[in-house]
Amino acid sequence: MEKLPEMSRQELEAMFGIDDLKKTRFAQELMAESKAEGEIEGKLKVIPGLLKKGFSVEEIAEILELEIEQVRQAIANLN
């Protein structure tokens, strides 16, 4: 177990098989996290356009199903 963090993806696939790895809870959680991060990233990219169209922070948060603070942070990062 101690050597697993040092192994490459190819070494792990050879050792366990790709299908076995995909079935692990760890891999499934990683895939779910990546998908969620990608969805949020996509939502954050449309915020500038919605701002230009005159939507408020609250409206943008509601439309994109984000927290108001997430929208505010994204706007702050634009500057």
PDB file of N, CA and C in Angstrom:
ATOM      1  N   MET A   1       0.806  -1.189   0.000  1.00  0.00           N
ATOM      2  CA  MET A   1       0.000   0.000   0.000  1.00  0.00           C
ATOM      3  C   MET A   1       0.855   1.260   0.000  1.00  0.00           C
ATOM      4  N   GLU A   2       1.989   1.207   0.669  1.00  0.00           N
ATOM      5  CA  GLU A   2       2.836   2.391   0.770  1.00  0.00           C
ATOM      6  C   GLU A   2       3.368   2.834  -0.580  1.00  0.00           C
ATOM      7  N   LYS A   3       3.548   1.907  -1.517  1.00  0.00           N
ATOM      8  CA  LYS A   3       4.135   2.251  -2.809  1.00  0.00           C
ATOM      9  C   LYS A   3       3.096   2.745  -3.804  1.00  0.00           C
ATOM     10  N   LEU A   4       1.825   2.556  -3.542  1.00  0.00           N
ATOM     11  CA  LEU A   4       0.794   2.965  -4.493  1.00  0.00           C
ATOM     12  C   LEU A   4       0.869   4.441  -4.863  1.00  0.00           C
ATOM     13  N   PRO A   5       1.064   5.355  -3.926  1.00  0.00           N
ATOM     14  CA  PRO A   5       1.127   6.769  -4.313  1.00  0.00           C
ATOM     15  C   PRO A   5       2.260   7.087  -5.278  1.00  0.00           C
ATOM     16  N   GLU A   6       3.298   6.267  -5.295  1.00  0.00           N
ATOM     17  CA  GLU A   6       4.454   6.516  -6.151  1.00  0.00           C
ATOM     18  C   GLU A   6       4.304   5.892  -7.534  1.00  0.00           C
ATOM     19  N   MET A   7       3.295   5.042  -7.715  1.00  0.00           N
ATOM     20  CA  MET A   7       3.139   4.334  -8.978  1.00  0.00           C
ATOM     21  C   MET A   7       2.435   5.211 -10.004  1.00  0.00           C
ATOM     22  N   SER A   8       2.818   5.029 -11.261  1.00  0.00           N
ATOM     23  CA  SER A   8       2.179   5.770 -12.345  1.00  0.00           C
ATOM     24  C   SER A   8       0.825   5.144 -12.665  1.00  0.00           C
ATOM     25  N   ARG A   9       0.055   5.869 -13.442  1.00  0.00           N
ATOM     26  CA  ARG A   9      -1.246   5.353 -13.859  1.00  0.00           C
ATOM     27  C   ARG A   9      -1.068   4.043 -14.625  1.00  0.00           C
ATOM     28  N   GLN A  10      -0.079   3.996 -15.502  1.00  0.00           N
ATOM     29  CA  GLN A  10       0.162   2.795 -16.303  1.00  0.00           C
ATOM     30  C   GLN A  10       0.520   1.599 -15.416  1.00  0.00           C
ATOM     31  N   GLU A  11       1.329   1.841 -14.401  1.00  0.00           N
ATOM     32  CA  GLU A  11       1.713   0.759 -13.489  1.00  0.00           C
ATOM     33  C   GLU A  11       0.503   0.246 -12.715  1.00  0.00           C
ATOM     34  N   LEU A  12      -0.342   1.165 -12.279  1.00  0.00           N
ATOM     35  CA  LEU A  12      -1.544   0.756 -11.551  1.00  0.00           C
ATOM     36  C   LEU A  12      -2.495  -0.019 -12.457  1.00  0.00           C
ATOM     37  N   GLU A  13      -2.649   0.446 -13.707  1.00  0.00           N
ATOM     38  CA  GLU A  13      -3.518  -0.257 -14.651  1.00  0.00           C
ATOM     39  C   GLU A  13      -3.003  -1.665 -14.919  1.00  0.00           C
ATOM     40  N   ALA A  14      -1.679  -1.802 -15.055  1.00  0.00           N
ATOM     41  CA  ALA A  14      -1.093  -3.117 -15.298  1.00  0.00           C
ATOM     42  C   ALA A  14      -1.287  -4.033 -14.093  1.00  0.00           C
ATOM     43  N   MET A  15      -1.210  -3.464 -12.917  1.00  0.00           N
ATOM     44  CA  MET A  15      -1.323  -4.247 -11.694  1.00  0.00           C
ATOM     45  C   MET A  15      -2.771  -4.679 -11.430  1.00  0.00           C
ATOM     46  N   PHE A  16      -3.709  -3.762 -11.611  1.00  0.00           N
ATOM     47  CA  PHE A  16      -5.095  -4.039 -11.239  1.00  0.00           C
ATOM     48  C   PHE A  16      -6.022  -4.247 -12.430  1.00  0.00           C
ATOM     49  N   GLY A  17      -5.678  -3.717 -13.576  1.00  0.00           N
ATOM     50  CA  GLY A  17      -6.590  -3.738 -14.712  1.00  0.00           C
ATOM     51  C   GLY A  17      -7.459  -2.488 -14.666  1.00  0.00           C
ATOM     52  N   ILE A  18      -7.649  -1.855 -15.804  1.00  0.00           N
ATOM     53  CA  ILE A  18      -8.378  -0.588 -15.861  1.00  0.00           C
ATOM     54  C   ILE A  18      -9.818  -0.744 -15.380  1.00  0.00           C
ATOM     55  N   ASP A  19     -10.455  -1.850 -15.742  1.00  0.00           N
ATOM     56  CA  ASP A  19     -11.840  -2.056 -15.317  1.00  0.00           C
ATOM     57  C   ASP A  19     -11.947  -2.174 -13.806  1.00  0.00           C
ATOM     58  N   ASP A  20     -10.978  -2.853 -13.195  1.00  0.00           N
ATOM     59  CA  ASP A  20     -10.974  -2.981 -11.739  1.00  0.00           C
ATOM     60  C   ASP A  20     -10.800  -1.620 -11.075  1.00  0.00           C
ATOM     61  N   LEU A  21      -9.901  -0.808 -11.640  1.00  0.00           N
ATOM     62  CA  LEU A  21      -9.674   0.526 -11.073  1.00  0.00           C
ATOM     63  C   LEU A  21     -10.925   1.391 -11.172  1.00  0.00           C
ATOM     64  N   LYS A  22     -11.598   1.324 -12.315  1.00  0.00           N
ATOM     65  CA  LYS A  22     -12.795   2.151 -12.519  1.00  0.00           C
ATOM     66  C   LYS A  22     -13.914   1.783 -11.550  1.00  0.00           C
ATOM     67  N   LYS A  23     -13.899   0.558 -11.067  1.00  0.00           N
ATOM     68  CA  LYS A  23     -14.950   0.097 -10.163  1.00  0.00           C
ATOM     69  C   LYS A  23     -14.708   0.486  -8.709  1.00  0.00           C
ATOM     70  N   THR A  24     -13.523   0.967  -8.400  1.00  0.00           N
ATOM     71  CA  THR A  24     -13.235   1.308  -7.011  1.00  0.00           C
ATOM     72  C   THR A  24     -13.991   2.563  -6.598  1.00  0.00           C
ATOM     73  N   ARG A  25     -14.319   2.648  -5.346  1.00  0.00           N
ATOM     74  CA  ARG A  25     -15.008   3.824  -4.812  1.00  0.00           C
ATOM     75  C   ARG A  25     -14.162   5.074  -5.031  1.00  0.00           C
ATOM     76  N   PHE A  26     -12.857   4.936  -4.840  1.00  0.00           N
ATOM     77  CA  PHE A  26     -11.952   6.066  -5.017  1.00  0.00           C
ATOM     78  C   PHE A  26     -12.052   6.630  -6.432  1.00  0.00           C
ATOM     79  N   ALA A  27     -11.982   5.764  -7.435  1.00  0.00           N
ATOM     80  CA  ALA A  27     -12.051   6.211  -8.826  1.00  0.00           C
ATOM     81  C   ALA A  27     -13.409   6.831  -9.130  1.00  0.00           C
ATOM     82  N   GLN A  28     -14.466   6.237  -8.613  1.00  0.00           N
ATOM     83  CA  GLN A  28     -15.802   6.773  -8.852  1.00  0.00           C
ATOM     84  C   GLN A  28     -15.969   8.144  -8.208  1.00  0.00           C
ATOM     85  N   GLU A  29     -15.420   8.309  -7.014  1.00  0.00           N
ATOM     86  CA  GLU A  29     -15.485   9.614  -6.354  1.00  0.00           C
ATOM     87  C   GLU A  29     -14.676  10.653  -7.120  1.00  0.00           C
ATOM     88  N   LEU A  30     -13.511  10.261  -7.629  1.00  0.00           N
ATOM     89  CA  LEU A  30     -12.700  11.182  -8.432  1.00  0.00           C
ATOM     90  C   LEU A  30     -13.437  11.613  -9.693  1.00  0.00           C
ATOM     91  N   MET A  31     -14.079  10.669 -10.350  1.00  0.00           N
ATOM     92  CA  MET A  31     -14.820  10.998 -11.568  1.00  0.00           C
ATOM     93  C   MET A  31     -15.990  11.924 -11.259  1.00  0.00           C
ATOM     94  N   ALA A  32     -16.689  11.671 -10.168  1.00  0.00           N
ATOM     95  CA  ALA A  32     -17.810  12.524  -9.786  1.00  0.00           C
ATOM     96  C   ALA A  32     -17.330  13.931  -9.447  1.00  0.00           C
ATOM     97  N   GLU A  33     -16.216  14.024  -8.725  1.00  0.00           N
ATOM     98  CA  GLU A  33     -15.661  15.335  -8.380  1.00  0.00           C
ATOM     99  C   GLU A  33     -15.235  16.094  -9.629  1.00  0.00           C
ATOM    100  N   SER A  34     -14.603  15.406 -10.562  1.00  0.00           N
ATOM    101  CA  SER A  34     -14.160  16.042 -11.800  1.00  0.00           C
ATOM    102  C   SER A  34     -15.346  16.551 -12.602  1.00  0.00           C
ATOM    103  N   LYS A  35     -16.387  15.745 -12.656  1.00  0.00           N
ATOM    104  CA  LYS A  35     -17.592  16.144 -13.391  1.00  0.00           C
ATOM    105  C   LYS A  35     -18.215  17.372 -12.745  1.00  0.00           C
ATOM    106  N   ALA A  36     -18.323  17.365 -11.426  1.00  0.00           N
ATOM    107  CA  ALA A  36     -18.908  18.503 -10.712  1.00  0.00           C
ATOM    108  C   ALA A  36     -18.072  19.760 -10.907  1.00  0.00           C
ATOM    109  N   GLU A  37     -16.751  19.617 -10.850  1.00  0.00           N
ATOM    110  CA  GLU A  37     -15.864  20.766 -11.052  1.00  0.00           C
ATOM    111  C   GLU A  37     -16.011  21.317 -12.462  1.00  0.00           C
ATOM    112  N   GLY A  38     -16.143  20.428 -13.431  1.00  0.00           N
ATOM    113  CA  GLY A  38     -16.324  20.849 -14.820  1.00  0.00           C
ATOM    114  C   GLY A  38     -17.630  21.586 -15.021  1.00  0.00           C
ATOM    115  N   GLU A  39     -18.688  21.112 -14.365  1.00  0.00           N
ATOM    116  CA  GLU A  39     -19.985  21.771 -14.470  1.00  0.00           C
ATOM    117  C   GLU A  39     -19.928  23.166 -13.861  1.00  0.00           C
ATOM    118  N   ILE A  40     -19.314  23.291 -12.710  1.00  0.00           N
ATOM    119  CA  ILE A  40     -19.201  24.596 -12.054  1.00  0.00           C
ATOM    120  C   ILE A  40     -18.349  25.527 -12.903  1.00  0.00           C
ATOM    121  N   GLU A  41     -17.250  25.008 -13.434  1.00  0.00           N
ATOM    122  CA  GLU A  41     -16.369  25.817 -14.275  1.00  0.00           C
ATOM    123  C   GLU A  41     -17.128  26.362 -15.484  1.00  0.00           C
ATOM    124  N   GLY A  42     -17.950  25.523 -16.090  1.00  0.00           N
ATOM    125  CA  GLY A  42     -18.755  25.954 -17.229  1.00  0.00           C
ATOM    126  C   GLY A  42     -19.739  27.042 -16.846  1.00  0.00           C
ATOM    127  N   LYS A  43     -20.352  26.894 -15.688  1.00  0.00           N
ATOM    128  CA  LYS A  43     -21.296  27.907 -15.213  1.00  0.00           C
ATOM    129  C   LYS A  43     -20.589  29.231 -14.949  1.00  0.00           C
ATOM    130  N   LEU A  44     -19.401  29.154 -14.369  1.00  0.00           N
ATOM    131  CA  LEU A  44     -18.665  30.373 -14.044  1.00  0.00           C
ATOM    132  C   LEU A  44     -18.265  31.141 -15.302  1.00  0.00           C
ATOM    133  N   LYS A  45     -18.069  30.444 -16.401  1.00  0.00           N
ATOM    134  CA  LYS A  45     -17.665  31.091 -17.650  1.00  0.00           C
ATOM    135  C   LYS A  45     -18.769  31.952 -18.255  1.00  0.00           C
ATOM    136  N   VAL A  46     -20.027  31.666 -17.937  1.00  0.00           N
ATOM    137  CA  VAL A  46     -21.122  32.449 -18.529  1.00  0.00           C
ATOM    138  C   VAL A  46     -21.493  33.670 -17.693  1.00  0.00           C
ATOM    139  N   ILE A  47     -20.933  33.788 -16.518  1.00  0.00           N
ATOM    140  CA  ILE A  47     -21.263  34.913 -15.636  1.00  0.00           C
ATOM    141  C   ILE A  47     -20.991  36.267 -16.286  1.00  0.00           C
ATOM    142  N   PRO A  48     -19.842  36.491 -16.928  1.00  0.00           N
ATOM    143  CA  PRO A  48     -19.618  37.811 -17.538  1.00  0.00           C
ATOM    144  C   PRO A  48     -20.697  38.196 -18.554  1.00  0.00           C
ATOM    145  N   GLY A  49     -21.127  37.245 -19.346  1.00  0.00           N
ATOM    146  CA  GLY A  49     -22.182  37.516 -20.329  1.00  0.00           C
ATOM    147  C   GLY A  49     -23.500  37.880 -19.677  1.00  0.00           C
ATOM    148  N   LEU A  50     -23.831  37.191 -18.599  1.00  0.00           N
ATOM    149  CA  LEU A  50     -25.074  37.495 -17.889  1.00  0.00           C
ATOM    150  C   LEU A  50     -24.999  38.866 -17.232  1.00  0.00           C
ATOM    151  N   LEU A  51     -23.834  39.209 -16.724  1.00  0.00           N
ATOM    152  CA  LEU A  51     -23.650  40.545 -16.139  1.00  0.00           C
ATOM    153  C   LEU A  51     -23.857  41.626 -17.195  1.00  0.00           C
ATOM    154  N   LYS A  52     -23.283  41.423 -18.378  1.00  0.00           N
ATOM    155  CA  LYS A  52     -23.415  42.394 -19.468  1.00  0.00           C
ATOM    156  C   LYS A  52     -24.864  42.564 -19.902  1.00  0.00           C
ATOM    157  N   LYS A  53     -25.648  41.517 -19.758  1.00  0.00           N
ATOM    158  CA  LYS A  53     -27.064  41.579 -20.125  1.00  0.00           C
ATOM    159  C   LYS A  53     -27.909  42.204 -19.023  1.00  0.00           C
ATOM    160  N   GLY A  54     -27.267  42.560 -17.913  1.00  0.00           N
ATOM    161  CA  GLY A  54     -27.958  43.277 -16.857  1.00  0.00           C
ATOM    162  C   GLY A  54     -28.532  42.439 -15.730  1.00  0.00           C
ATOM    163  N   PHE A  55     -28.190  41.171 -15.678  1.00  0.00           N
ATOM    164  CA  PHE A  55     -28.683  40.329 -14.593  1.00  0.00           C
ATOM    165  C   PHE A  55     -27.950  40.671 -13.302  1.00  0.00           C
ATOM    166  N   SER A  56     -28.670  40.601 -12.194  1.00  0.00           N
ATOM    167  CA  SER A  56     -28.064  40.863 -10.887  1.00  0.00           C
ATOM    168  C   SER A  56     -27.325  39.616 -10.404  1.00  0.00           C
ATOM    169  N   VAL A  57     -26.506  39.799  -9.384  1.00  0.00           N
ATOM    170  CA  VAL A  57     -25.777  38.674  -8.786  1.00  0.00           C
ATOM    171  C   VAL A  57     -26.759  37.604  -8.326  1.00  0.00           C
ATOM    172  N   GLU A  58     -27.826  38.036  -7.693  1.00  0.00           N
ATOM    173  CA  GLU A  58     -28.821  37.086  -7.181  1.00  0.00           C
ATOM    174  C   GLU A  58     -29.497  36.326  -8.319  1.00  0.00           C
ATOM    175  N   GLU A  59     -29.826  37.035  -9.403  1.00  0.00           N
ATOM    176  CA  GLU A  59     -30.462  36.383 -10.551  1.00  0.00           C
ATOM    177  C   GLU A  59     -29.516  35.374 -11.194  1.00  0.00           C
ATOM    178  N   ILE A  60     -28.252  35.754 -11.320  1.00  0.00           N
ATOM    179  CA  ILE A  60     -27.261  34.850 -11.905  1.00  0.00           C
ATOM    180  C   ILE A  60     -27.123  33.594 -11.048  1.00  0.00           C
ATOM    181  N   ALA A  61     -27.050  33.778  -9.747  1.00  0.00           N
ATOM    182  CA  ALA A  61     -26.938  32.631  -8.839  1.00  0.00           C
ATOM    183  C   ALA A  61     -28.136  31.704  -8.999  1.00  0.00           C
ATOM    184  N   GLU A  62     -29.317  32.279  -9.109  1.00  0.00           N
ATOM    185  CA  GLU A  62     -30.529  31.466  -9.254  1.00  0.00           C
ATOM    186  C   GLU A  62     -30.546  30.749 -10.601  1.00  0.00           C
ATOM    187  N   ILE A  63     -30.236  31.470 -11.662  1.00  0.00           N
ATOM    188  CA  ILE A  63     -30.236  30.887 -13.005  1.00  0.00           C
ATOM    189  C   ILE A  63     -29.247  29.727 -13.100  1.00  0.00           C
ATOM    190  N   LEU A  64     -28.053  29.936 -12.579  1.00  0.00           N
ATOM    191  CA  LEU A  64     -26.984  28.937 -12.699  1.00  0.00           C
ATOM    192  C   LEU A  64     -26.962  27.918 -11.568  1.00  0.00           C
ATOM    193  N   GLU A  65     -27.870  28.085 -10.618  1.00  0.00           N
ATOM    194  CA  GLU A  65     -27.935  27.192  -9.455  1.00  0.00           C
ATOM    195  C   GLU A  65     -26.602  27.164  -8.714  1.00  0.00           C
ATOM    196  N   LEU A  66     -26.094  28.371  -8.437  1.00  0.00           N
ATOM    197  CA  LEU A  66     -24.867  28.547  -7.671  1.00  0.00           C
ATOM    198  C   LEU A  66     -25.179  29.335  -6.412  1.00  0.00           C
ATOM    199  N   GLU A  67     -24.267  29.298  -5.465  1.00  0.00           N
ATOM    200  CA  GLU A  67     -24.384  30.132  -4.277  1.00  0.00           C
ATOM    201  C   GLU A  67     -24.044  31.566  -4.674  1.00  0.00           C
ATOM    202  N   ILE A  68     -24.694  32.521  -4.031  1.00  0.00           N
ATOM    203  CA  ILE A  68     -24.433  33.929  -4.317  1.00  0.00           C
ATOM    204  C   ILE A  68     -22.952  34.240  -4.133  1.00  0.00           C
ATOM    205  N   GLU A  69     -22.346  33.678  -3.106  1.00  0.00           N
ATOM    206  CA  GLU A  69     -20.927  33.931  -2.848  1.00  0.00           C
ATOM    207  C   GLU A  69     -20.047  33.403  -3.984  1.00  0.00           C
ATOM    208  N   GLN A  70     -20.432  32.292  -4.594  1.00  0.00           N
ATOM    209  CA  GLN A  70     -19.670  31.768  -5.734  1.00  0.00           C
ATOM    210  C   GLN A  70     -19.701  32.760  -6.895  1.00  0.00           C
ATOM    211  N   VAL A  71     -20.871  33.349  -7.119  1.00  0.00           N
ATOM    212  CA  VAL A  71     -21.014  34.326  -8.197  1.00  0.00           C
ATOM    213  C   VAL A  71     -20.188  35.566  -7.876  1.00  0.00           C
ATOM    214  N   ARG A  72     -20.279  36.034  -6.655  1.00  0.00           N
ATOM    215  CA  ARG A  72     -19.500  37.214  -6.250  1.00  0.00           C
ATOM    216  C   ARG A  72     -18.000  36.968  -6.405  1.00  0.00           C
ATOM    217  N   GLN A  73     -17.555  35.796  -6.012  1.00  0.00           N
ATOM    218  CA  GLN A  73     -16.134  35.460  -6.126  1.00  0.00           C
ATOM    219  C   GLN A  73     -15.710  35.419  -7.588  1.00  0.00           C
ATOM    220  N   ALA A  74     -16.551  34.857  -8.437  1.00  0.00           N
ATOM    221  CA  ALA A  74     -16.231  34.796  -9.866  1.00  0.00           C
ATOM    222  C   ALA A  74     -16.135  36.197 -10.456  1.00  0.00           C
ATOM    223  N   ILE A  75     -17.021  37.084 -10.034  1.00  0.00           N
ATOM    224  CA  ILE A  75     -16.993  38.469 -10.511  1.00  0.00           C
ATOM    225  C   ILE A  75     -15.728  39.160 -10.021  1.00  0.00           C
ATOM    226  N   ALA A  76     -15.365  38.934  -8.779  1.00  0.00           N
ATOM    227  CA  ALA A  76     -14.148  39.537  -8.225  1.00  0.00           C
ATOM    228  C   ALA A  76     -12.913  39.065  -8.984  1.00  0.00           C
ATOM    229  N   ASN A  77     -12.926  37.820  -9.433  1.00  0.00           N
ATOM    230  CA  ASN A  77     -11.789  37.268 -10.169  1.00  0.00           C
ATOM    231  C   ASN A  77     -11.686  37.818 -11.589  1.00  0.00           C
ATOM    232  N   LEU A  78     -12.752  38.442 -12.078  1.00  0.00           N
ATOM    233  CA  LEU A  78     -12.726  39.037 -13.415  1.00  0.00           C
ATOM    234  C   LEU A  78     -11.860  40.284 -13.447  1.00  0.00           C
ATOM    235  N   ASN A  79     -11.773  40.956 -12.317  1.00  0.00           N
ATOM    236  CA  ASN A  79     -11.057  42.238 -12.262  1.00  0.00           C
ATOM    237  C   ASN A  79      -9.591  42.071 -12.015  1.00  0.00           C
TER     238      ASN A  79
END
